[in-house]
Amino acid sequence: MDPRSRRRSPRHLTVAADLEPVRLAVTAVFDAKHRAREEALAACRRVIRSSANAIRALHRGERAEADSLIADAGATLSGAVAVLAAHQDVLNAGFVHDASKEYAEARLTLALSAGEPLPLPADIGVEPAAYLNGLGEAVGELRRRMLDLLRAEDLAAAEHTLAAMDAVVEMLATIDYPDGMTGGLRRTTDVARALVERSRSDLTTTVVQERLRKELRKK
């Protein structure tokens, strides 16, 4: 056996033994972080599911059901954020932002559809970036509502809905910060603006057709 190996062995064993406390310390941290992440991830999936179902209930005219689902989503999101309070790196991960955005979209779609005042980000417990992206995506839900109103021949309500969509896009266009800060708000705003223009075209066509029908009835 190489004499140099014998000289190194005691030191080698000491270093290996000294690493065990390091391993235990870091795995304890990561175990706690992993448990919190898994719990919060499951909660955020529930938030997204409840928020989507709330919007569907709104389109069906089931306000009480929508309110219940939104309340569940809000409470679940708060729980997820609390679980991650000691793990800010995970809290800032994408899945929390996505769940917050979906919850904000449901809350804001409800308020816009009902003509109610919009809650502020702090009122619903979400960060401004998630709130604004949720507001932008609510424009798509308002377009669906407007089309339903057109089919029901409620032109006045359809015009009011389009006005709300237009106001949202105009406001979002004034938020001029880097995408890294706003969560990609510029793209959300561009999509919402395109939906507004399509909706304006649909409404205009329907109004013109209605005028023509009225003129024909007079003859």
Protein backbone atom coordinates (compact mmCIF):
# COMPACT_ATOMS: atom_id res chain seq x y z
CA MET A 1 0.00 0.00 0.00
CA ASP A 2 1.27 3.46 -0.83
CA PRO A 3 2.50 5.13 2.39
CA ARG A 4 1.07 8.41 1.15
CA SER A 5 -2.41 6.82 1.09
CA ARG A 6 -2.09 5.83 4.73
CA ARG A 7 -1.11 9.37 5.61
CA ARG A 8 -4.16 10.80 3.82
CA SER A 9 -6.74 8.35 5.15
CA PRO A 10 -7.30 9.78 8.66
CA ARG A 11 -7.81 13.26 7.26
CA HIS A 12 -10.10 11.91 4.53
CA LEU A 13 -12.29 10.16 7.08
CA THR A 14 -12.51 13.27 9.22
CA VAL A 15 -13.67 15.41 6.32
CA ALA A 16 -16.31 12.83 5.35
CA ALA A 17 -17.62 12.77 8.90
CA ASP A 18 -17.73 16.58 9.00
CA LEU A 19 -19.95 16.65 5.86
CA GLU A 20 -22.81 14.75 7.49
CA PRO A 21 -24.08 17.75 9.51
CA VAL A 22 -24.00 19.79 6.29
CA ARG A 23 -26.11 17.19 4.50
CA LEU A 24 -28.59 17.04 7.35
CA ALA A 25 -28.87 20.83 7.55
CA VAL A 26 -29.56 21.38 3.86
CA THR A 27 -31.89 18.44 3.44
CA ALA A 28 -33.98 19.68 6.38
CA VAL A 29 -34.39 23.01 4.60
CA PHE A 30 -35.23 21.43 1.25
CA ASP A 31 -37.60 18.90 2.80
CA ALA A 32 -39.59 21.72 4.41
CA LYS A 33 -39.51 23.74 1.19
CA HIS A 34 -40.63 20.76 -0.88
CA ARG A 35 -43.55 19.98 1.46
CA ALA A 36 -44.68 23.61 1.37
CA ARG A 37 -44.36 23.71 -2.43
CA GLU A 38 -46.42 20.56 -2.94
CA GLU A 39 -49.16 21.79 -0.60
CA ALA A 40 -49.26 25.22 -2.24
CA LEU A 41 -49.19 23.73 -5.74
CA ALA A 42 -52.24 21.56 -4.99
CA ALA A 43 -54.01 24.61 -3.54
CA CYS A 44 -53.20 26.74 -6.60
CA ARG A 45 -54.63 24.08 -8.88
CA ARG A 46 -57.83 24.26 -6.86
CA VAL A 47 -57.83 28.06 -7.17
CA ILE A 48 -57.57 27.83 -10.96
CA ARG A 49 -60.33 25.21 -11.12
CA SER A 50 -62.70 27.15 -8.85
CA SER A 51 -62.05 30.41 -10.71
CA ALA A 52 -62.76 28.82 -14.09
CA ASN A 53 -65.95 27.24 -12.79
CA ALA A 54 -67.03 30.58 -11.31
CA ILE A 55 -66.71 32.26 -14.70
CA ARG A 56 -68.75 29.48 -16.30
CA ALA A 57 -71.42 29.97 -13.64
CA LEU A 58 -71.47 33.70 -14.41
CA HIS A 59 -72.08 33.01 -18.08
CA ARG A 60 -74.97 30.73 -17.10
CA GLY A 61 -76.43 33.51 -14.95
CA GLU A 62 -75.81 31.60 -11.71
CA ARG A 63 -74.54 34.46 -9.53
CA ALA A 64 -74.85 32.64 -6.19
CA GLU A 65 -72.82 29.70 -7.49
CA ALA A 66 -70.21 32.05 -8.90
CA ASP A 67 -69.95 33.92 -5.58
CA SER A 68 -69.44 30.64 -3.71
CA LEU A 69 -66.74 29.42 -6.08
CA ILE A 70 -64.93 32.75 -6.00
CA ALA A 71 -65.00 32.77 -2.20
CA ASP A 72 -63.51 29.27 -2.20
CA ALA A 73 -60.80 30.32 -4.65
CA GLY A 74 -59.91 33.35 -2.57
CA ALA A 75 -59.67 31.42 0.69
CA THR A 76 -57.62 28.68 -0.96
CA LEU A 77 -55.22 31.19 -2.50
CA SER A 78 -54.73 32.88 0.86
CA GLY A 79 -53.92 29.51 2.37
CA ALA A 80 -51.35 28.76 -0.32
CA VAL A 81 -49.64 32.12 0.22
CA ALA A 82 -49.56 31.51 3.98
CA VAL A 83 -47.97 28.08 3.49
CA LEU A 84 -45.20 29.70 1.45
CA ALA A 85 -44.63 32.65 3.79
CA ALA A 86 -41.26 31.21 4.88
CA HIS A 87 -40.29 30.26 1.33
CA GLN A 88 -40.27 33.46 -0.69
CA ASP A 89 -38.38 31.88 -3.58
CA VAL A 90 -41.21 29.39 -4.09
CA LEU A 91 -43.87 32.05 -3.45
CA ASN A 92 -42.45 34.02 -6.36
CA ALA A 93 -42.65 30.98 -8.63
CA GLY A 94 -44.91 31.01 -11.67
CA PHE A 95 -47.67 28.77 -10.36
CA VAL A 96 -48.67 31.22 -7.61
CA HIS A 97 -48.80 34.07 -10.13
CA ASP A 98 -50.93 31.97 -12.48
CA ALA A 99 -53.41 31.07 -9.75
CA SER A 100 -53.60 34.69 -8.60
CA LYS A 101 -54.23 35.83 -12.18
CA GLU A 102 -57.08 33.33 -12.65
CA TYR A 103 -58.65 34.35 -9.34
CA ALA A 104 -58.36 38.04 -10.25
CA GLU A 105 -59.93 37.33 -13.63
CA ALA A 106 -62.95 35.70 -11.97
CA ARG A 107 -63.38 38.53 -9.44
CA LEU A 108 -63.03 41.22 -12.08
CA THR A 109 -65.26 39.50 -14.63
CA LEU A 110 -67.97 39.33 -11.99
CA ALA A 111 -67.62 43.02 -11.10
CA LEU A 112 -67.53 44.19 -14.72
CA SER A 113 -70.48 42.03 -15.74
CA ALA A 114 -72.56 43.29 -12.83
CA GLY A 115 -71.52 46.92 -13.23
CA GLU A 116 -69.98 46.90 -9.76
CA PRO A 117 -66.89 48.87 -8.63
CA LEU A 118 -63.66 47.02 -9.33
CA PRO A 119 -61.83 45.82 -6.22
CA LEU A 120 -58.20 46.91 -5.88
CA PRO A 121 -55.34 44.38 -5.88
CA ALA A 122 -54.98 44.68 -2.11
CA ASP A 123 -58.72 44.09 -1.67
CA ILE A 124 -58.47 40.63 -3.20
CA GLY A 125 -54.98 39.78 -1.96
CA VAL A 126 -53.08 39.52 -5.25
CA GLU A 127 -50.00 41.25 -6.60
CA PRO A 128 -50.51 44.08 -9.13
CA ALA A 129 -49.00 42.12 -12.04
CA ALA A 130 -51.37 39.19 -11.54
CA TYR A 131 -54.28 41.60 -11.06
CA LEU A 132 -53.63 43.51 -14.28
CA ASN A 133 -53.18 40.36 -16.36
CA GLY A 134 -56.38 38.99 -14.87
CA LEU A 135 -58.13 42.24 -15.79
CA GLY A 136 -56.84 41.95 -19.35
CA GLU A 137 -58.08 38.39 -19.65
CA ALA A 138 -61.46 39.42 -18.27
CA VAL A 139 -61.92 41.31 -21.55
CA GLY A 140 -62.23 37.95 -23.30
CA GLU A 141 -65.00 36.91 -20.91
CA LEU A 142 -66.77 40.21 -21.52
CA ARG A 143 -66.62 39.56 -25.25
CA ARG A 144 -68.42 36.27 -24.68
CA ARG A 145 -71.01 38.11 -22.61
CA MET A 146 -71.45 40.72 -25.33
CA LEU A 147 -72.04 38.06 -27.97
CA ASP A 148 -74.64 36.42 -25.74
CA LEU A 149 -76.35 39.80 -25.40
CA LEU A 150 -76.32 40.29 -29.16
CA ARG A 151 -77.98 36.93 -29.65
CA ALA A 152 -80.59 37.99 -27.10
CA GLU A 153 -81.06 41.23 -29.08
CA ASP A 154 -80.16 43.34 -26.04
CA LEU A 155 -78.20 45.96 -27.94
CA ALA A 156 -78.09 48.49 -25.12
CA ALA A 157 -76.46 46.03 -22.71
CA ALA A 158 -74.10 44.87 -25.45
CA GLU A 159 -73.00 48.46 -26.09
CA HIS A 160 -72.43 48.97 -22.37
CA THR A 161 -70.31 45.82 -22.22
CA LEU A 162 -68.21 46.94 -25.17
CA ALA A 163 -67.67 50.30 -23.49
CA ALA A 164 -66.39 48.51 -20.37
CA MET A 165 -64.03 46.39 -22.49
CA ASP A 166 -62.71 49.48 -24.25
CA ALA A 167 -62.14 51.31 -20.96
CA VAL A 168 -60.16 48.38 -19.56
CA VAL A 169 -57.87 48.23 -22.60
CA GLU A 170 -57.33 51.99 -22.57
CA MET A 171 -56.29 51.85 -18.92
CA LEU A 172 -53.99 48.84 -19.40
CA ALA A 173 -52.26 50.64 -22.27
CA THR A 174 -51.11 53.33 -19.83
CA ILE A 175 -49.19 50.80 -17.69
CA ASP A 176 -45.78 51.15 -19.33
CA TYR A 177 -43.20 49.10 -17.42
CA PRO A 178 -40.84 46.25 -18.39
CA ASP A 179 -42.53 42.89 -18.97
CA GLY A 180 -40.42 41.37 -16.21
CA MET A 181 -42.23 43.63 -13.75
CA THR A 182 -45.73 43.30 -15.20
CA GLY A 183 -45.75 39.59 -15.99
CA GLY A 184 -46.04 40.08 -19.74
CA LEU A 185 -48.86 42.62 -19.53
CA ARG A 186 -48.04 44.13 -22.92
CA ARG A 187 -48.98 40.93 -24.73
CA THR A 188 -52.15 40.55 -22.63
CA THR A 189 -53.12 44.11 -23.54
CA ASP A 190 -52.49 43.51 -27.24
CA VAL A 191 -54.73 40.43 -27.20
CA ALA A 192 -57.44 42.33 -25.33
CA ARG A 193 -57.26 45.22 -27.81
CA ALA A 194 -57.75 42.82 -30.71
CA LEU A 195 -60.79 41.34 -28.96
CA VAL A 196 -62.26 44.80 -28.47
CA GLU A 197 -61.89 45.61 -32.17
CA ARG A 198 -63.51 42.32 -33.20
CA SER A 199 -66.32 42.98 -30.74
CA ARG A 200 -66.80 46.50 -32.05
CA SER A 201 -67.13 45.08 -35.56
CA ASP A 202 -69.65 42.46 -34.39
CA LEU A 203 -71.72 45.07 -32.59
CA THR A 204 -71.65 47.47 -35.53
CA THR A 205 -72.79 44.76 -37.92
CA THR A 206 -75.64 43.79 -35.61
CA VAL A 207 -76.76 47.40 -35.15
CA VAL A 208 -76.77 48.00 -38.91
CA GLN A 209 -78.74 44.82 -39.50
CA GLU A 210 -81.25 45.82 -36.86
CA ARG A 211 -81.74 49.22 -38.50
CA LEU A 212 -82.30 47.57 -41.85
CA ARG A 213 -84.91 45.25 -40.34
CA LYS A 214 -86.73 48.22 -38.85
CA GLU A 215 -86.68 50.05 -42.16
CA LEU A 216 -88.09 47.00 -43.93
CA ARG A 217 -90.90 46.68 -41.41
CA LYS A 218 -91.96 50.27 -42.15
CA LYS A 219 -92.42 49.54 -45.85
